[in-house]
Amino acid sequence: VGLVTAATFGAALGVPVHGLCTLDGLAHASGLTEPFVVAT
């Protein structure tokens, strides 16, 4: 759902569409400063 919507917006607007690992977003929001794990 998200990938198709992003691709459609990108084509309609003529702007670049980038991907990022979902786990990386959670890691960025974690606030942890030591080695850690993200699990969904």
PDB file of all heavy atoms in Angstrom:
ATOM      1  N   VAL A   1       0.839  -1.202   0.000  1.00  0.00           N
ATOM      2  CA  VAL A   1       0.000   0.000   0.000  1.00  0.00           C
ATOM      3  C   VAL A   1       0.873   1.252   0.000  1.00  0.00           C
ATOM      4  O   VAL A   1       0.680   2.175  -0.797  1.00  0.00           O
ATOM      5  CB  VAL A   1      -0.955   0.003   1.210  1.00  0.00           C
ATOM      6  CG1 VAL A   1      -1.650   1.355   1.357  1.00  0.00           C
ATOM      7  CG2 VAL A   1      -1.998  -1.104   1.068  1.00  0.00           C
ATOM      8  N   GLY A   2       1.841   1.297   0.889  1.00  0.00           N
ATOM      9  CA  GLY A   2       2.722   2.461   0.961  1.00  0.00           C
ATOM     10  C   GLY A   2       3.611   2.602  -0.255  1.00  0.00           C
ATOM     11  O   GLY A   2       3.806   3.702  -0.786  1.00  0.00           O
ATOM     12  N   LEU A   3       4.153   1.490  -0.735  1.00  0.00           N
ATOM     13  CA  LEU A   3       5.056   1.538  -1.884  1.00  0.00           C
ATOM     14  C   LEU A   3       4.340   1.994  -3.151  1.00  0.00           C
ATOM     15  O   LEU A   3       4.863   2.830  -3.905  1.00  0.00           O
ATOM     16  CB  LEU A   3       5.683   0.160  -2.097  1.00  0.00           C
ATOM     17  CG  LEU A   3       6.724  -0.247  -1.056  1.00  0.00           C
ATOM     18  CD1 LEU A   3       6.998  -1.740  -1.133  1.00  0.00           C
ATOM     19  CD2 LEU A   3       8.009   0.538  -1.245  1.00  0.00           C
ATOM     20  N   VAL A   4       3.152   1.464  -3.398  1.00  0.00           N
ATOM     21  CA  VAL A   4       2.411   1.858  -4.595  1.00  0.00           C
ATOM     22  C   VAL A   4       1.971   3.311  -4.507  1.00  0.00           C
ATOM     23  O   VAL A   4       2.029   4.065  -5.497  1.00  0.00           O
ATOM     24  CB  VAL A   4       1.195   0.925  -4.796  1.00  0.00           C
ATOM     25  CG1 VAL A   4       0.280   1.463  -5.895  1.00  0.00           C
ATOM     26  CG2 VAL A   4       1.661  -0.479  -5.148  1.00  0.00           C
ATOM     27  N   THR A   5       1.538   3.748  -3.324  1.00  0.00           N
ATOM     28  CA  THR A   5       1.130   5.144  -3.152  1.00  0.00           C
ATOM     29  C   THR A   5       2.308   6.079  -3.380  1.00  0.00           C
ATOM     30  O   THR A   5       2.180   7.103  -4.062  1.00  0.00           O
ATOM     31  CB  THR A   5       0.551   5.355  -1.745  1.00  0.00           C
ATOM     32  OG1 THR A   5      -0.582   4.495  -1.571  1.00  0.00           O
ATOM     33  CG2 THR A   5       0.110   6.799  -1.551  1.00  0.00           C
ATOM     34  N   ALA A   6       3.470   5.742  -2.820  1.00  0.00           N
ATOM     35  CA  ALA A   6       4.656   6.583  -3.011  1.00  0.00           C
ATOM     36  C   ALA A   6       5.044   6.655  -4.482  1.00  0.00           C
ATOM     37  O   ALA A   6       5.367   7.732  -5.008  1.00  0.00           O
ATOM     38  CB  ALA A   6       5.816   6.039  -2.186  1.00  0.00           C
ATOM     39  N   ALA A   7       5.012   5.516  -5.168  1.00  0.00           N
ATOM     40  CA  ALA A   7       5.368   5.492  -6.589  1.00  0.00           C
ATOM     41  C   ALA A   7       4.381   6.328  -7.411  1.00  0.00           C
ATOM     42  O   ALA A   7       4.785   7.032  -8.344  1.00  0.00           O
ATOM     43  CB  ALA A   7       5.393   4.050  -7.090  1.00  0.00           C
ATOM     44  N   THR A   8       3.110   6.259  -7.061  1.00  0.00           N
ATOM     45  CA  THR A   8       2.098   7.023  -7.786  1.00  0.00           C
ATOM     46  C   THR A   8       2.289   8.518  -7.584  1.00  0.00           C
ATOM     47  O   THR A   8       2.235   9.303  -8.536  1.00  0.00           O
ATOM     48  CB  THR A   8       0.691   6.602  -7.321  1.00  0.00           C
ATOM     49  OG1 THR A   8       0.518   5.197  -7.549  1.00  0.00           O
ATOM     50  CG2 THR A   8      -0.380   7.366  -8.082  1.00  0.00           C
ATOM     51  N   PHE A   9       2.519   8.933  -6.353  1.00  0.00           N
ATOM     52  CA  PHE A   9       2.786  10.342  -6.082  1.00  0.00           C
ATOM     53  C   PHE A   9       4.034  10.811  -6.827  1.00  0.00           C
ATOM     54  O   PHE A   9       4.066  11.902  -7.401  1.00  0.00           O
ATOM     55  CB  PHE A   9       2.981  10.574  -4.576  1.00  0.00           C
ATOM     56  CG  PHE A   9       1.704  10.632  -3.782  1.00  0.00           C
ATOM     57  CD1 PHE A   9       1.715  10.353  -2.428  1.00  0.00           C
ATOM     58  CD2 PHE A   9       0.506  10.972  -4.371  1.00  0.00           C
ATOM     59  CE1 PHE A   9       0.554  10.403  -1.679  1.00  0.00           C
ATOM     60  CE2 PHE A   9      -0.664  11.031  -3.626  1.00  0.00           C
ATOM     61  CZ  PHE A   9      -0.647  10.746  -2.283  1.00  0.00           C
ATOM     62  N   GLY A  10       5.083   9.999  -6.787  1.00  0.00           N
ATOM     63  CA  GLY A  10       6.317  10.383  -7.453  1.00  0.00           C
ATOM     64  C   GLY A  10       6.125  10.578  -8.940  1.00  0.00           C
ATOM     65  O   GLY A  10       6.635  11.545  -9.529  1.00  0.00           O
ATOM     66  N   ALA A  11       5.364   9.674  -9.582  1.00  0.00           N
ATOM     67  CA  ALA A  11       5.115   9.788 -11.021  1.00  0.00           C
ATOM     68  C   ALA A  11       4.254  11.003 -11.335  1.00  0.00           C
ATOM     69  O   ALA A  11       4.494  11.723 -12.309  1.00  0.00           O
ATOM     70  CB  ALA A  11       4.440   8.516 -11.519  1.00  0.00           C
ATOM     71  N   ALA A  12       3.240  11.252 -10.506  1.00  0.00           N
ATOM     72  CA  ALA A  12       2.332  12.370 -10.757  1.00  0.00           C
ATOM     73  C   ALA A  12       3.016  13.722 -10.557  1.00  0.00           C
ATOM     74  O   ALA A  12       2.752  14.675 -11.298  1.00  0.00           O
ATOM     75  CB  ALA A  12       1.121  12.260  -9.836  1.00  0.00           C
ATOM     76  N   LEU A  13       3.902  13.794  -9.564  1.00  0.00           N
ATOM     77  CA  LEU A  13       4.569  15.055  -9.248  1.00  0.00           C
ATOM     78  C   LEU A  13       5.894  15.232  -9.973  1.00  0.00           C
ATOM     79  O   LEU A  13       6.437  16.340 -10.007  1.00  0.00           O
ATOM     80  CB  LEU A  13       4.819  15.141  -7.737  1.00  0.00           C
ATOM     81  CG  LEU A  13       3.583  15.121  -6.831  1.00  0.00           C
ATOM     82  CD1 LEU A  13       4.010  15.004  -5.367  1.00  0.00           C
ATOM     83  CD2 LEU A  13       2.740  16.373  -7.043  1.00  0.00           C
ATOM     84  N   GLY A  14       6.439  14.143 -10.508  1.00  0.00           N
ATOM     85  CA  GLY A  14       7.742  14.213 -11.156  1.00  0.00           C
ATOM     86  C   GLY A  14       8.869  14.450 -10.172  1.00  0.00           C
ATOM     87  O   GLY A  14       9.831  15.170 -10.464  1.00  0.00           O
ATOM     88  N   VAL A  15       8.770  13.828  -8.985  1.00  0.00           N
ATOM     89  CA  VAL A  15       9.794  14.001  -7.947  1.00  0.00           C
ATOM     90  C   VAL A  15      10.398  12.644  -7.607  1.00  0.00           C
ATOM     91  O   VAL A  15       9.779  11.602  -7.828  1.00  0.00           O
ATOM     92  CB  VAL A  15       9.204  14.647  -6.674  1.00  0.00           C
ATOM     93  CG1 VAL A  15       8.614  16.020  -7.004  1.00  0.00           C
ATOM     94  CG2 VAL A  15       8.143  13.747  -6.034  1.00  0.00           C
ATOM     95  N   PRO A  16      11.612  12.628  -7.066  1.00  0.00           N
ATOM     96  CA  PRO A  16      12.250  11.345  -6.738  1.00  0.00           C
ATOM     97  C   PRO A  16      11.569  10.652  -5.574  1.00  0.00           C
ATOM     98  O   PRO A  16      11.082  11.305  -4.636  1.00  0.00           O
ATOM     99  CB  PRO A  16      13.688  11.743  -6.380  1.00  0.00           C
ATOM    100  CG  PRO A  16      13.623  13.187  -6.039  1.00  0.00           C
ATOM    101  CD  PRO A  16      12.523  13.781  -6.851  1.00  0.00           C
ATOM    102  N   VAL A  17      11.541   9.322  -5.635  1.00  0.00           N
ATOM    103  CA  VAL A  17      11.005   8.490  -4.560  1.00  0.00           C
ATOM    104  C   VAL A  17      12.151   7.653  -3.998  1.00  0.00           C
ATOM    105  O   VAL A  17      12.816   6.933  -4.739  1.00  0.00           O
ATOM    106  CB  VAL A  17       9.874   7.577  -5.066  1.00  0.00           C
ATOM    107  CG1 VAL A  17       9.323   6.732  -3.927  1.00  0.00           C
ATOM    108  CG2 VAL A  17       8.761   8.401  -5.706  1.00  0.00           C
ATOM    109  N   HIS A  18      12.383   7.773  -2.703  1.00  0.00           N
ATOM    110  CA  HIS A  18      13.470   7.074  -2.032  1.00  0.00           C
ATOM    111  C   HIS A  18      12.903   6.001  -1.104  1.00  0.00           C
ATOM    112  O   HIS A  18      11.800   6.135  -0.571  1.00  0.00           O
ATOM    113  CB  HIS A  18      14.301   8.047  -1.189  1.00  0.00           C
ATOM    114  CG  HIS A  18      14.662   9.312  -1.882  1.00  0.00           C
ATOM    115  ND1 HIS A  18      15.677   9.384  -2.811  1.00  0.00           N
ATOM    116  CD2 HIS A  18      14.137  10.563  -1.794  1.00  0.00           C
ATOM    117  CE1 HIS A  18      15.776  10.637  -3.260  1.00  0.00           C
ATOM    118  NE2 HIS A  18      14.855  11.366  -2.650  1.00  0.00           N
ATOM    119  N   GLY A  19      13.673   4.958  -0.873  1.00  0.00           N
ATOM    120  CA  GLY A  19      13.301   3.926   0.084  1.00  0.00           C
ATOM    121  C   GLY A  19      14.207   3.959   1.296  1.00  0.00           C
ATOM    122  O   GLY A  19      15.352   4.373   1.215  1.00  0.00           O
ATOM    123  N   LEU A  20      13.659   3.549   2.444  1.00  0.00           N
ATOM    124  CA  LEU A  20      14.462   3.342   3.650  1.00  0.00           C
ATOM    125  C   LEU A  20      13.911   2.138   4.392  1.00  0.00           C
ATOM    126  O   LEU A  20      12.690   1.928   4.427  1.00  0.00           O
ATOM    127  CB  LEU A  20      14.410   4.566   4.575  1.00  0.00           C
ATOM    128  CG  LEU A  20      15.434   5.678   4.379  1.00  0.00           C
ATOM    129  CD1 LEU A  20      15.249   6.747   5.453  1.00  0.00           C
ATOM    130  CD2 LEU A  20      16.858   5.153   4.426  1.00  0.00           C
ATOM    131  N   CYS A  21      14.783   1.381   4.991  1.00  0.00           N
ATOM    132  CA  CYS A  21      14.359   0.233   5.777  1.00  0.00           C
ATOM    133  C   CYS A  21      13.500   0.691   6.951  1.00  0.00           C
ATOM    134  O   CYS A  21      13.871   1.614   7.694  1.00  0.00           O
ATOM    135  CB  CYS A  21      15.590  -0.515   6.283  1.00  0.00           C
ATOM    136  SG  CYS A  21      15.227  -1.892   7.392  1.00  0.00           S
ATOM    137  N   THR A  22      12.350   0.073   7.112  1.00  0.00           N
ATOM    138  CA  THR A  22      11.443   0.419   8.199  1.00  0.00           C
ATOM    139  C   THR A  22      12.112   0.259   9.563  1.00  0.00           C
ATOM    140  O   THR A  22      11.926   1.080  10.465  1.00  0.00           O
ATOM    141  CB  THR A  22      10.180  -0.452   8.120  1.00  0.00           C
ATOM    142  OG1 THR A  22       9.483  -0.126   6.906  1.00  0.00           O
ATOM    143  CG2 THR A  22       9.258  -0.231   9.305  1.00  0.00           C
ATOM    144  N   LEU A  23      12.903  -0.787   9.715  1.00  0.00           N
ATOM    145  CA  LEU A  23      13.595  -1.003  10.986  1.00  0.00           C
ATOM    146  C   LEU A  23      14.544   0.152  11.303  1.00  0.00           C
ATOM    147  O   LEU A  23      14.742   0.504  12.473  1.00  0.00           O
ATOM    148  CB  LEU A  23      14.366  -2.322  10.953  1.00  0.00           C
ATOM    149  CG  LEU A  23      13.545  -3.594  10.741  1.00  0.00           C
ATOM    150  CD1 LEU A  23      14.470  -4.807  10.669  1.00  0.00           C
ATOM    151  CD2 LEU A  23      12.501  -3.775  11.826  1.00  0.00           C
ATOM    152  N   ASP A  24      15.123   0.767  10.262  1.00  0.00           N
ATOM    153  CA  ASP A  24      16.034   1.891  10.481  1.00  0.00           C
ATOM    154  C   ASP A  24      15.300   3.092  11.086  1.00  0.00           C
ATOM    155  O   ASP A  24      15.851   3.832  11.902  1.00  0.00           O
ATOM    156  CB  ASP A  24      16.691   2.314   9.163  1.00  0.00           C
ATOM    157  CG  ASP A  24      17.671   1.284   8.625  1.00  0.00           C
ATOM    158  OD1 ASP A  24      17.870   0.238   9.289  1.00  0.00           O
ATOM    159  OD2 ASP A  24      18.217   1.510   7.529  1.00  0.00           O
ATOM    160  N   GLY A  25      14.035   3.296  10.646  1.00  0.00           N
ATOM    161  CA  GLY A  25      13.251   4.382  11.218  1.00  0.00           C
ATOM    162  C   GLY A  25      13.001   4.176  12.696  1.00  0.00           C
ATOM    163  O   GLY A  25      13.113   5.103  13.513  1.00  0.00           O
ATOM    164  N   LEU A  26      12.660   2.946  13.069  1.00  0.00           N
ATOM    165  CA  LEU A  26      12.454   2.629  14.483  1.00  0.00           C
ATOM    166  C   LEU A  26      13.751   2.788  15.274  1.00  0.00           C
ATOM    167  O   LEU A  26      13.746   3.280  16.412  1.00  0.00           O
ATOM    168  CB  LEU A  26      11.919   1.208  14.611  1.00  0.00           C
ATOM    169  CG  LEU A  26      10.417   1.044  14.374  1.00  0.00           C
ATOM    170  CD1 LEU A  26      10.097  -0.396  14.000  1.00  0.00           C
ATOM    171  CD2 LEU A  26       9.638   1.456  15.599  1.00  0.00           C
ATOM    172  N   ALA A  27      14.856   2.377  14.676  1.00  0.00           N
ATOM    173  CA  ALA A  27      16.145   2.527  15.346  1.00  0.00           C
ATOM    174  C   ALA A  27      16.452   3.997  15.598  1.00  0.00           C
ATOM    175  O   ALA A  27      16.929   4.371  16.678  1.00  0.00           O
ATOM    176  CB  ALA A  27      17.246   1.887  14.503  1.00  0.00           C
ATOM    177  N   HIS A  28      16.161   4.846  14.604  1.00  0.00           N
ATOM    178  CA  HIS A  28      16.423   6.271  14.738  1.00  0.00           C
ATOM    179  C   HIS A  28      15.590   6.886  15.857  1.00  0.00           C
ATOM    180  O   HIS A  28      16.026   7.814  16.543  1.00  0.00           O
ATOM    181  CB  HIS A  28      16.135   6.978  13.417  1.00  0.00           C
ATOM    182  CG  HIS A  28      16.459   8.434  13.431  1.00  0.00           C
ATOM    183  ND1 HIS A  28      17.746   8.907  13.360  1.00  0.00           N
ATOM    184  CD2 HIS A  28      15.659   9.531  13.520  1.00  0.00           C
ATOM    185  CE1 HIS A  28      17.740  10.229  13.396  1.00  0.00           C
ATOM    186  NE2 HIS A  28      16.488  10.629  13.498  1.00  0.00           N
ATOM    187  N   ALA A  29      14.371   6.355  16.038  1.00  0.00           N
ATOM    188  CA  ALA A  29      13.478   6.894  17.067  1.00  0.00           C
ATOM    189  C   ALA A  29      13.733   6.320  18.449  1.00  0.00           C
ATOM    190  O   ALA A  29      13.137   6.766  19.430  1.00  0.00           O
ATOM    191  CB  ALA A  29      12.022   6.624  16.663  1.00  0.00           C
ATOM    192  N   SER A  30      14.619   5.339  18.557  1.00  0.00           N
ATOM    193  CA  SER A  30      14.773   4.598  19.815  1.00  0.00           C
ATOM    194  C   SER A  30      15.368   5.418  20.950  1.00  0.00           C
ATOM    195  O   SER A  30      15.068   5.181  22.123  1.00  0.00           O
ATOM    196  CB  SER A  30      15.647   3.364  19.581  1.00  0.00           C
ATOM    197  OG  SER A  30      17.003   3.740  19.352  1.00  0.00           O
ATOM    198  N   GLY A  31      16.263   6.341  20.607  1.00  0.00           N
ATOM    199  CA  GLY A  31      16.947   7.103  21.642  1.00  0.00           C
ATOM    200  C   GLY A  31      18.052   6.342  22.342  1.00  0.00           C
ATOM    201  O   GLY A  31      18.691   6.860  23.260  1.00  0.00           O
ATOM    202  N   LEU A  32      18.308   5.109  21.915  1.00  0.00           N
ATOM    203  CA  LEU A  32      19.327   4.294  22.577  1.00  0.00           C
ATOM    204  C   LEU A  32      20.726   4.705  22.134  1.00  0.00           C
ATOM    205  O   LEU A  32      20.941   5.103  20.985  1.00  0.00           O
ATOM    206  CB  LEU A  32      19.092   2.815  22.261  1.00  0.00           C
ATOM    207  CG  LEU A  32      17.794   2.228  22.844  1.00  0.00           C
ATOM    208  CD1 LEU A  32      17.555   0.816  22.321  1.00  0.00           C
ATOM    209  CD2 LEU A  32      17.845   2.226  24.366  1.00  0.00           C
ATOM    210  N   THR A  33      21.665   4.597  23.039  1.00  0.00           N
ATOM    211  CA  THR A  33      23.035   5.003  22.744  1.00  0.00           C
ATOM    212  C   THR A  33      24.015   3.834  22.762  1.00  0.00           C
ATOM    213  O   THR A  33      25.170   3.998  22.382  1.00  0.00           O
ATOM    214  CB  THR A  33      23.506   6.054  23.762  1.00  0.00           C
ATOM    215  OG1 THR A  33      23.378   5.517  25.092  1.00  0.00           O
ATOM    216  CG2 THR A  33      22.666   7.329  23.648  1.00  0.00           C
ATOM    217  N   GLU A  34      23.560   2.661  23.230  1.00  0.00           N
ATOM    218  CA  GLU A  34      24.404   1.475  23.224  1.00  0.00           C
ATOM    219  C   GLU A  34      23.933   0.542  22.122  1.00  0.00           C
ATOM    220  O   GLU A  34      22.878   0.754  21.538  1.00  0.00           O
ATOM    221  CB  GLU A  34      24.353   0.773  24.586  1.00  0.00           C
ATOM    222  CG  GLU A  34      22.999   0.160  24.917  1.00  0.00           C
ATOM    223  CD  GLU A  34      22.109   1.063  25.744  1.00  0.00           C
ATOM    224  OE1 GLU A  34      21.806   2.178  25.289  1.00  0.00           O
ATOM    225  OE2 GLU A  34      21.709   0.620  26.827  1.00  0.00           O
ATOM    226  N   PRO A  35      24.685  -0.508  21.775  1.00  0.00           N
ATOM    227  CA  PRO A  35      24.217  -1.471  20.771  1.00  0.00           C
ATOM    228  C   PRO A  35      22.849  -2.023  21.159  1.00  0.00           C
ATOM    229  O   PRO A  35      22.588  -2.316  22.328  1.00  0.00           O
ATOM    230  CB  PRO A  35      25.299  -2.555  20.795  1.00  0.00           C
ATOM    231  CG  PRO A  35      26.528  -1.824  21.234  1.00  0.00           C
ATOM    232  CD  PRO A  35      26.054  -0.816  22.234  1.00  0.00           C
ATOM    233  N   PHE A  36      21.966  -2.176  20.155  1.00  0.00           N
ATOM    234  CA  PHE A  36      20.600  -2.579  20.453  1.00  0.00           C
ATOM    235  C   PHE A  36      19.990  -3.325  19.279  1.00  0.00           C
ATOM    236  O   PHE A  36      20.600  -3.458  18.216  1.00  0.00           O
ATOM    237  CB  PHE A  36      19.746  -1.357  20.819  1.00  0.00           C
ATOM    238  CG  PHE A  36      19.582  -0.348  19.711  1.00  0.00           C
ATOM    239  CD1 PHE A  36      18.448  -0.329  18.916  1.00  0.00           C
ATOM    240  CD2 PHE A  36      20.567   0.619  19.477  1.00  0.00           C
ATOM    241  CE1 PHE A  36      18.294   0.614  17.909  1.00  0.00           C
ATOM    242  CE2 PHE A  36      20.419   1.564  18.479  1.00  0.00           C
ATOM    243  CZ  PHE A  36      19.273   1.563  17.681  1.00  0.00           C
ATOM    244  N   VAL A  37      18.773  -3.811  19.499  1.00  0.00           N
ATOM    245  CA  VAL A  37      18.037  -4.590  18.516  1.00  0.00           C
ATOM    246  C   VAL A  37      16.693  -3.931  18.267  1.00  0.00           C
ATOM    247  O   VAL A  37      16.073  -3.387  19.189  1.00  0.00           O
ATOM    248  CB  VAL A  37      17.821  -6.037  19.019  1.00  0.00           C
ATOM    249  CG1 VAL A  37      16.832  -6.791  18.128  1.00  0.00           C
ATOM    250  CG2 VAL A  37      19.141  -6.787  19.081  1.00  0.00           C
ATOM    251  N   VAL A  38      16.248  -3.968  17.007  1.00  0.00           N
ATOM    252  CA  VAL A  38      14.887  -3.571  16.648  1.00  0.00           C
ATOM    253  C   VAL A  38      14.168  -4.811  16.134  1.00  0.00           C
ATOM    254  O   VAL A  38      14.721  -5.554  15.318  1.00  0.00           O
ATOM    255  CB  VAL A  38      14.882  -2.480  15.570  1.00  0.00           C
ATOM    256  CG1 VAL A  38      13.450  -2.171  15.127  1.00  0.00           C
ATOM    257  CG2 VAL A  38      15.552  -1.213  16.076  1.00  0.00           C
ATOM    258  N   ALA A  39      12.955  -5.031  16.618  1.00  0.00           N
ATOM    259  CA  ALA A  39      12.174  -6.193  16.183  1.00  0.00           C
ATOM    260  C   ALA A  39      10.710  -5.806  16.011  1.00  0.00           C
ATOM    261  O   ALA A  39      10.120  -5.199  16.907  1.00  0.00           O
ATOM    262  CB  ALA A  39      12.293  -7.336  17.193  1.00  0.00           C
ATOM    263  N   THR A  40      10.143  -6.148  14.866  1.00  0.00           N
ATOM    264  CA  THR A  40       8.722  -5.922  14.619  1.00  0.00           C
ATOM    265  C   THR A  40       8.021  -7.266  14.474  1.00  0.00           C
ATOM    266  O   THR A  40       8.656  -8.294  14.240  1.00  0.00           O
ATOM    267  CB  THR A  40       8.488  -5.070  13.358  1.00  0.00           C
ATOM    268  OG1 THR A  40       9.045  -5.760  12.220  1.00  0.00           O
ATOM    269  CG2 THR A  40       9.146  -3.707  13.486  1.00  0.00           C
TER     270      THR A  40
END
